[in-house]
């Protein structure tokens, strides 16, 4: 199991989100270490680039990530 390549710059992982989540360690394990490909932030990064990740997007907000990607005109 590999860690996400974005750990050093991810505002979620580094505790810089405006509204921290309860049980943040569980989310970090699930989305930053175990299965980062399912992280909403990572999905936007891969599709559009790091500068397009909304600052208030949480790892579990997959539906919102899909909306952001679709709204940009990006096609899978």
PDB file of N, CA and C in Angstrom:
ATOM      1  N   UNK A   1       0.860  -1.179   0.000  1.00  0.00           N
ATOM      2  CA  UNK A   1       0.000   0.000   0.000  1.00  0.00           C
ATOM      3  C   UNK A   1       0.901   1.235   0.000  1.00  0.00           C
ATOM      4  N   UNK A   2       0.711   2.081  -0.976  1.00  0.00           N
ATOM      5  CA  UNK A   2       1.494   3.309  -1.108  1.00  0.00           C
ATOM      6  C   UNK A   2       0.676   4.496  -0.643  1.00  0.00           C
ATOM      7  N   UNK A   3       1.379   5.519  -0.176  1.00  0.00           N
ATOM      8  CA  UNK A   3       0.714   6.752   0.224  1.00  0.00           C
ATOM      9  C   UNK A   3       0.458   7.622  -0.994  1.00  0.00           C
ATOM     10  N   UNK A   4      -0.489   8.520  -0.853  1.00  0.00           N
ATOM     11  CA  UNK A   4      -0.801   9.472  -1.910  1.00  0.00           C
ATOM     12  C   UNK A   4       0.415  10.369  -2.182  1.00  0.00           C
ATOM     13  N   UNK A   5       0.652  10.637  -3.438  1.00  0.00           N
ATOM     14  CA  UNK A   5       1.762  11.497  -3.836  1.00  0.00           C
ATOM     15  C   UNK A   5       1.564  12.958  -3.435  1.00  0.00           C
ATOM     16  N   UNK A   6       0.347  13.313  -3.049  1.00  0.00           N
ATOM     17  CA  UNK A   6       0.004  14.698  -2.734  1.00  0.00           C
ATOM     18  C   UNK A   6       0.114  15.040  -1.247  1.00  0.00           C
ATOM     19  N   UNK A   7       0.570  14.122  -0.399  1.00  0.00           N
ATOM     20  CA  UNK A   7       0.571  14.352   1.047  1.00  0.00           C
ATOM     21  C   UNK A   7       1.271  15.650   1.451  1.00  0.00           C
ATOM     22  N   UNK A   8       2.390  15.936   0.853  1.00  0.00           N
ATOM     23  CA  UNK A   8       3.167  17.116   1.245  1.00  0.00           C
ATOM     24  C   UNK A   8       2.429  18.420   0.975  1.00  0.00           C
ATOM     25  N   UNK A   9       1.562  18.443  -0.031  1.00  0.00           N
ATOM     26  CA  UNK A   9       0.894  19.690  -0.406  1.00  0.00           C
ATOM     27  C   UNK A   9      -0.608  19.688  -0.153  1.00  0.00           C
ATOM     28  N   UNK A  10      -1.151  18.588   0.319  1.00  0.00           N
ATOM     29  CA  UNK A  10      -2.599  18.481   0.510  1.00  0.00           C
ATOM     30  C   UNK A  10      -3.044  19.227   1.769  1.00  0.00           C
ATOM     31  N   UNK A  11      -3.951  20.186   1.595  1.00  0.00           N
ATOM     32  CA  UNK A  11      -4.413  20.958   2.755  1.00  0.00           C
ATOM     33  C   UNK A  11      -5.260  20.107   3.697  1.00  0.00           C
ATOM     34  N   UNK A  12      -5.924  19.083   3.181  1.00  0.00           N
ATOM     35  CA  UNK A  12      -6.668  18.191   4.063  1.00  0.00           C
ATOM     36  C   UNK A  12      -5.699  17.414   4.946  1.00  0.00           C
ATOM     37  N   UNK A  13      -4.736  16.759   4.345  1.00  0.00           N
ATOM     38  CA  UNK A  13      -3.793  15.934   5.094  1.00  0.00           C
ATOM     39  C   UNK A  13      -3.000  16.754   6.104  1.00  0.00           C
ATOM     40  N   UNK A  14      -2.678  17.979   5.746  1.00  0.00           N
ATOM     41  CA  UNK A  14      -1.848  18.826   6.601  1.00  0.00           C
ATOM     42  C   UNK A  14      -2.643  19.702   7.560  1.00  0.00           C
ATOM     43  N   UNK A  15      -3.938  19.429   7.695  1.00  0.00           N
ATOM     44  CA  UNK A  15      -4.759  20.115   8.695  1.00  0.00           C
ATOM     45  C   UNK A  15      -5.015  21.578   8.413  1.00  0.00           C
ATOM     46  N   UNK A  16      -5.087  21.969   7.161  1.00  0.00           N
ATOM     47  CA  UNK A  16      -5.272  23.380   6.823  1.00  0.00           C
ATOM     48  C   UNK A  16      -6.643  23.690   6.241  1.00  0.00           C
ATOM     49  N   UNK A  17      -7.584  22.750   6.358  1.00  0.00           N
ATOM     50  CA  UNK A  17      -8.959  22.993   5.893  1.00  0.00           C
ATOM     51  C   UNK A  17      -9.631  23.947   6.883  1.00  0.00           C
ATOM     52  N   UNK A  18     -10.513  24.793   6.393  1.00  0.00           N
ATOM     53  CA  UNK A  18     -11.210  25.754   7.255  1.00  0.00           C
ATOM     54  C   UNK A  18     -12.075  25.047   8.297  1.00  0.00           C
ATOM     55  N   UNK A  19     -12.711  23.970   7.909  1.00  0.00           N
ATOM     56  CA  UNK A  19     -13.575  23.201   8.807  1.00  0.00           C
ATOM     57  C   UNK A  19     -13.026  21.780   8.922  1.00  0.00           C
ATOM     58  N   UNK A  20     -12.260  21.489   9.979  1.00  0.00           N
ATOM     59  CA  UNK A  20     -11.733  20.123  10.121  1.00  0.00           C
ATOM     60  C   UNK A  20     -12.859  19.114  10.349  1.00  0.00           C
ATOM     61  N   UNK A  21     -12.644  17.906   9.899  1.00  0.00           N
ATOM     62  CA  UNK A  21     -13.624  16.843  10.074  1.00  0.00           C
ATOM     63  C   UNK A  21     -13.436  16.141  11.410  1.00  0.00           C
ATOM     64  N   UNK A  22     -14.543  15.703  12.021  1.00  0.00           N
ATOM     65  CA  UNK A  22     -14.386  14.804  13.168  1.00  0.00           C
ATOM     66  C   UNK A  22     -13.815  13.482  12.647  1.00  0.00           C
ATOM     67  N   UNK A  23     -13.124  12.768  13.461  1.00  0.00           N
ATOM     68  CA  UNK A  23     -12.522  11.484  13.067  1.00  0.00           C
ATOM     69  C   UNK A  23     -11.557  11.641  11.893  1.00  0.00           C
ATOM     70  N   UNK A  24     -10.840  12.731  11.877  1.00  0.00           N
ATOM     71  CA  UNK A  24      -9.954  13.044  10.747  1.00  0.00           C
ATOM     72  C   UNK A  24      -8.918  11.951  10.515  1.00  0.00           C
ATOM     73  N   UNK A  25      -8.452  11.309  11.571  1.00  0.00           N
ATOM     74  CA  UNK A  25      -7.443  10.259  11.392  1.00  0.00           C
ATOM     75  C   UNK A  25      -7.993   9.080  10.593  1.00  0.00           C
ATOM     76  N   UNK A  26      -9.266   8.774  10.790  1.00  0.00           N
ATOM     77  CA  UNK A  26      -9.901   7.703  10.013  1.00  0.00           C
ATOM     78  C   UNK A  26      -9.927   8.066   8.525  1.00  0.00           C
ATOM     79  N   UNK A  27     -10.296   9.305   8.238  1.00  0.00           N
ATOM     80  CA  UNK A  27     -10.327   9.762   6.844  1.00  0.00           C
ATOM     81  C   UNK A  27      -8.927   9.772   6.237  1.00  0.00           C
ATOM     82  N   UNK A  28      -7.954  10.203   7.015  1.00  0.00           N
ATOM     83  CA  UNK A  28      -6.578  10.220   6.512  1.00  0.00           C
ATOM     84  C   UNK A  28      -6.100   8.813   6.180  1.00  0.00           C
ATOM     85  N   UNK A  29      -6.404   7.865   7.051  1.00  0.00           N
ATOM     86  CA  UNK A  29      -5.991   6.490   6.762  1.00  0.00           C
ATOM     87  C   UNK A  29      -6.683   5.996   5.494  1.00  0.00           C
ATOM     88  N   UNK A  30      -7.985   6.184   5.441  1.00  0.00           N
ATOM     89  CA  UNK A  30      -8.771   5.661   4.323  1.00  0.00           C
ATOM     90  C   UNK A  30      -8.396   6.299   2.996  1.00  0.00           C
ATOM     91  N   UNK A  31      -8.277   7.615   2.968  1.00  0.00           N
ATOM     92  CA  UNK A  31      -8.096   8.321   1.695  1.00  0.00           C
ATOM     93  C   UNK A  31      -6.658   8.737   1.382  1.00  0.00           C
ATOM     94  N   UNK A  32      -5.814   8.848   2.370  1.00  0.00           N
ATOM     95  CA  UNK A  32      -4.446   9.320   2.126  1.00  0.00           C
ATOM     96  C   UNK A  32      -3.431   8.182   2.100  1.00  0.00           C
ATOM     97  N   UNK A  33      -3.769   7.103   2.777  1.00  0.00           N
ATOM     98  CA  UNK A  33      -2.843   5.977   2.854  1.00  0.00           C
ATOM     99  C   UNK A  33      -3.384   4.712   2.172  1.00  0.00           C
ATOM    100  N   UNK A  34      -4.614   4.333   2.457  1.00  0.00           N
ATOM    101  CA  UNK A  34      -5.118   3.042   1.990  1.00  0.00           C
ATOM    102  C   UNK A  34      -5.592   3.059   0.539  1.00  0.00           C
ATOM    103  N   UNK A  35      -6.407   4.031   0.183  1.00  0.00           N
ATOM    104  CA  UNK A  35      -7.026   4.012  -1.150  1.00  0.00           C
ATOM    105  C   UNK A  35      -7.180   5.436  -1.684  1.00  0.00           C
ATOM    106  N   UNK A  36      -6.060   6.089  -1.912  1.00  0.00           N
ATOM    107  CA  UNK A  36      -6.105   7.502  -2.296  1.00  0.00           C
ATOM    108  C   UNK A  36      -6.749   7.728  -3.661  1.00  0.00           C
ATOM    109  N   UNK A  37      -6.816   6.719  -4.508  1.00  0.00           N
ATOM    110  CA  UNK A  37      -7.450   6.890  -5.814  1.00  0.00           C
ATOM    111  C   UNK A  37      -8.948   7.175  -5.683  1.00  0.00           C
ATOM    112  N   UNK A  38      -9.546   6.862  -4.536  1.00  0.00           N
ATOM    113  CA  UNK A  38     -10.960   7.128  -4.300  1.00  0.00           C
ATOM    114  C   UNK A  38     -11.181   8.481  -3.618  1.00  0.00           C
ATOM    115  N   UNK A  39     -10.129   9.211  -3.345  1.00  0.00           N
ATOM    116  CA  UNK A  39     -10.222  10.523  -2.700  1.00  0.00           C
ATOM    117  C   UNK A  39     -10.727  11.558  -3.712  1.00  0.00           C
ATOM    118  N   UNK A  40     -11.733  12.315  -3.314  1.00  0.00           N
ATOM    119  CA  UNK A  40     -12.303  13.340  -4.186  1.00  0.00           C
ATOM    120  C   UNK A  40     -11.252  14.376  -4.587  1.00  0.00           C
ATOM    121  N   UNK A  41     -10.407  14.764  -3.664  1.00  0.00           N
ATOM    122  CA  UNK A  41      -9.367  15.748  -3.961  1.00  0.00           C
ATOM    123  C   UNK A  41      -8.389  15.195  -4.999  1.00  0.00           C
ATOM    124  N   UNK A  42      -8.033  13.927  -4.844  1.00  0.00           N
ATOM    125  CA  UNK A  42      -7.118  13.288  -5.787  1.00  0.00           C
ATOM    126  C   UNK A  42      -7.758  13.166  -7.168  1.00  0.00           C
ATOM    127  N   UNK A  43      -9.047  12.856  -7.196  1.00  0.00           N
ATOM    128  CA  UNK A  43      -9.754  12.745  -8.477  1.00  0.00           C
ATOM    129  C   UNK A  43      -9.692  14.052  -9.263  1.00  0.00           C
ATOM    130  N   UNK A  44      -9.938  15.162  -8.577  1.00  0.00           N
ATOM    131  CA  UNK A  44      -9.877  16.467  -9.246  1.00  0.00           C
ATOM    132  C   UNK A  44      -8.442  16.762  -9.677  1.00  0.00           C
ATOM    133  N   UNK A  45      -7.489  16.462  -8.821  1.00  0.00           N
ATOM    134  CA  UNK A  45      -6.082  16.666  -9.167  1.00  0.00           C
ATOM    135  C   UNK A  45      -5.715  15.919 -10.450  1.00  0.00           C
ATOM    136  N   UNK A  46      -6.097  14.659 -10.529  1.00  0.00           N
ATOM    137  CA  UNK A  46      -5.746  13.851 -11.692  1.00  0.00           C
ATOM    138  C   UNK A  46      -6.443  14.346 -12.961  1.00  0.00           C
ATOM    139  N   UNK A  47      -7.669  14.803 -12.829  1.00  0.00           N
ATOM    140  CA  UNK A  47      -8.423  15.240 -14.007  1.00  0.00           C
ATOM    141  C   UNK A  47      -8.079  16.655 -14.447  1.00  0.00           C
ATOM    142  N   UNK A  48      -7.864  17.553 -13.482  1.00  0.00           N
ATOM    143  CA  UNK A  48      -7.764  18.976 -13.821  1.00  0.00           C
ATOM    144  C   UNK A  48      -6.489  19.662 -13.347  1.00  0.00           C
ATOM    145  N   UNK A  49      -5.781  19.051 -12.419  1.00  0.00           N
ATOM    146  CA  UNK A  49      -4.591  19.673 -11.855  1.00  0.00           C
ATOM    147  C   UNK A  49      -4.837  20.199 -10.456  1.00  0.00           C
ATOM    148  N   UNK A  50      -3.776  20.358  -9.709  1.00  0.00           N
ATOM    149  CA  UNK A  50      -3.858  20.758  -8.311  1.00  0.00           C
ATOM    150  C   UNK A  50      -4.472  22.120  -8.070  1.00  0.00           C
ATOM    151  N   UNK A  51      -4.310  23.031  -9.002  1.00  0.00           N
ATOM    152  CA  UNK A  51      -4.857  24.375  -8.822  1.00  0.00           C
ATOM    153  C   UNK A  51      -6.373  24.421  -8.990  1.00  0.00           C
ATOM    154  N   UNK A  52      -6.970  23.338  -9.436  1.00  0.00           N
ATOM    155  CA  UNK A  52      -8.425  23.287  -9.639  1.00  0.00           C
ATOM    156  C   UNK A  52      -9.163  22.589  -8.495  1.00  0.00           C
ATOM    157  N   UNK A  53      -8.440  22.131  -7.473  1.00  0.00           N
ATOM    158  CA  UNK A  53      -9.084  21.467  -6.341  1.00  0.00           C
ATOM    159  C   UNK A  53      -9.730  22.527  -5.460  1.00  0.00           C
ATOM    160  N   UNK A  54     -11.052  22.484  -5.282  1.00  0.00           N
ATOM    161  CA  UNK A  54     -11.697  23.458  -4.400  1.00  0.00           C
ATOM    162  C   UNK A  54     -11.132  23.349  -2.977  1.00  0.00           C
ATOM    163  N   UNK A  55     -10.898  24.476  -2.361  1.00  0.00           N
ATOM    164  CA  UNK A  55     -10.313  24.501  -1.024  1.00  0.00           C
ATOM    165  C   UNK A  55     -11.165  23.850   0.041  1.00  0.00           C
ATOM    166  N   UNK A  56     -12.456  23.736  -0.214  1.00  0.00           N
ATOM    167  CA  UNK A  56     -13.350  23.136   0.774  1.00  0.00           C
ATOM    168  C   UNK A  56     -13.821  21.740   0.368  1.00  0.00           C
ATOM    169  N   UNK A  57     -13.099  21.099  -0.535  1.00  0.00           N
ATOM    170  CA  UNK A  57     -13.450  19.749  -0.982  1.00  0.00           C
ATOM    171  C   UNK A  57     -12.807  18.726  -0.051  1.00  0.00           C
ATOM    172  N   UNK A  58     -13.645  17.870   0.526  1.00  0.00           N
ATOM    173  CA  UNK A  58     -13.167  16.832   1.435  1.00  0.00           C
ATOM    174  C   UNK A  58     -13.001  15.517   0.682  1.00  0.00           C
ATOM    175  N   UNK A  59     -12.155  14.631   1.174  1.00  0.00           N
ATOM    176  CA  UNK A  59     -11.882  13.373   0.472  1.00  0.00           C
ATOM    177  C   UNK A  59     -13.115  12.534   0.158  1.00  0.00           C
ATOM    178  N   UNK A  60     -14.111  12.588   0.996  1.00  0.00           N
ATOM    179  CA  UNK A  60     -15.299  11.764   0.784  1.00  0.00           C
ATOM    180  C   UNK A  60     -16.344  12.433  -0.114  1.00  0.00           C
ATOM    181  N   UNK A  61     -16.101  13.648  -0.580  1.00  0.00           N
ATOM    182  CA  UNK A  61     -17.036  14.385  -1.435  1.00  0.00           C
ATOM    183  C   UNK A  61     -16.891  13.991  -2.907  1.00  0.00           C
ATOM    184  N   UNK A  62     -17.009  12.715  -3.182  1.00  0.00           N
ATOM    185  CA  UNK A  62     -16.787  12.195  -4.530  1.00  0.00           C
ATOM    186  C   UNK A  62     -17.805  12.745  -5.523  1.00  0.00           C
ATOM    187  N   UNK A  63     -19.052  12.826  -5.134  1.00  0.00           N
ATOM    188  CA  UNK A  63     -20.068  13.348  -6.053  1.00  0.00           C
ATOM    189  C   UNK A  63     -19.754  14.799  -6.435  1.00  0.00           C
ATOM    190  N   UNK A  64     -19.336  15.585  -5.469  1.00  0.00           N
ATOM    191  CA  UNK A  64     -18.970  16.976  -5.771  1.00  0.00           C
ATOM    192  C   UNK A  64     -17.749  17.028  -6.678  1.00  0.00           C
ATOM    193  N   UNK A  65     -16.782  16.150  -6.456  1.00  0.00           N
ATOM    194  CA  UNK A  65     -15.604  16.103  -7.323  1.00  0.00           C
ATOM    195  C   UNK A  65     -16.020  15.821  -8.759  1.00  0.00           C
ATOM    196  N   UNK A  66     -16.934  14.885  -8.925  1.00  0.00           N
ATOM    197  CA  UNK A  66     -17.426  14.576 -10.275  1.00  0.00           C
ATOM    198  C   UNK A  66     -18.096  15.793 -10.902  1.00  0.00           C
ATOM    199  N   UNK A  67     -18.839  16.545 -10.102  1.00  0.00           N
ATOM    200  CA  UNK A  67     -19.496  17.750 -10.612  1.00  0.00           C
ATOM    201  C   UNK A  67     -18.464  18.786 -11.038  1.00  0.00           C
ATOM    202  N   UNK A  68     -17.423  18.970 -10.238  1.00  0.00           N
ATOM    203  CA  UNK A  68     -16.360  19.927 -10.564  1.00  0.00           C
ATOM    204  C   UNK A  68     -15.683  19.519 -11.876  1.00  0.00           C
ATOM    205  N   UNK A  69     -15.400  18.244 -12.005  1.00  0.00           N
ATOM    206  CA  UNK A  69     -14.726  17.752 -13.206  1.00  0.00           C
ATOM    207  C   UNK A  69     -15.625  17.918 -14.440  1.00  0.00           C
ATOM    208  N   UNK A  70     -16.884  17.548 -14.296  1.00  0.00           N
ATOM    209  CA  UNK A  70     -17.832  17.667 -15.410  1.00  0.00           C
ATOM    210  C   UNK A  70     -18.043  19.124 -15.802  1.00  0.00           C
ATOM    211  N   UNK A  71     -18.186  19.994 -14.813  1.00  0.00           N
ATOM    212  CA  UNK A  71     -18.408  21.425 -15.084  1.00  0.00           C
ATOM    213  C   UNK A  71     -17.228  22.052 -15.823  1.00  0.00           C
ATOM    214  N   UNK A  72     -16.046  21.480 -15.657  1.00  0.00           N
ATOM    215  CA  UNK A  72     -14.874  22.024 -16.341  1.00  0.00           C
ATOM    216  C   UNK A  72     -14.839  21.659 -17.816  1.00  0.00           C
ATOM    217  N   UNK A  73     -15.722  20.720 -18.206  1.00  0.00           N
ATOM    218  CA  UNK A  73     -15.721  20.266 -19.588  1.00  0.00           C
ATOM    219  C   UNK A  73     -14.820  19.079 -19.834  1.00  0.00           C
ATOM    220  N   UNK A  74     -14.168  18.601 -18.778  1.00  0.00           N
ATOM    221  CA  UNK A  74     -13.263  17.447 -18.895  1.00  0.00           C
ATOM    222  C   UNK A  74     -14.081  16.179 -19.158  1.00  0.00           C
ATOM    223  N   UNK A  75     -13.617  15.397 -20.090  1.00  0.00           N
ATOM    224  CA  UNK A  75     -14.266  14.120 -20.406  1.00  0.00           C
ATOM    225  C   UNK A  75     -13.328  12.996 -19.996  1.00  0.00           C
ATOM    226  N   UNK A  76     -13.852  11.983 -19.303  1.00  0.00           N
ATOM    227  CA  UNK A  76     -12.985  10.847 -18.900  1.00  0.00           C
ATOM    228  C   UNK A  76     -12.462  10.069 -20.082  1.00  0.00           C
TER     229      UNK A  76
END
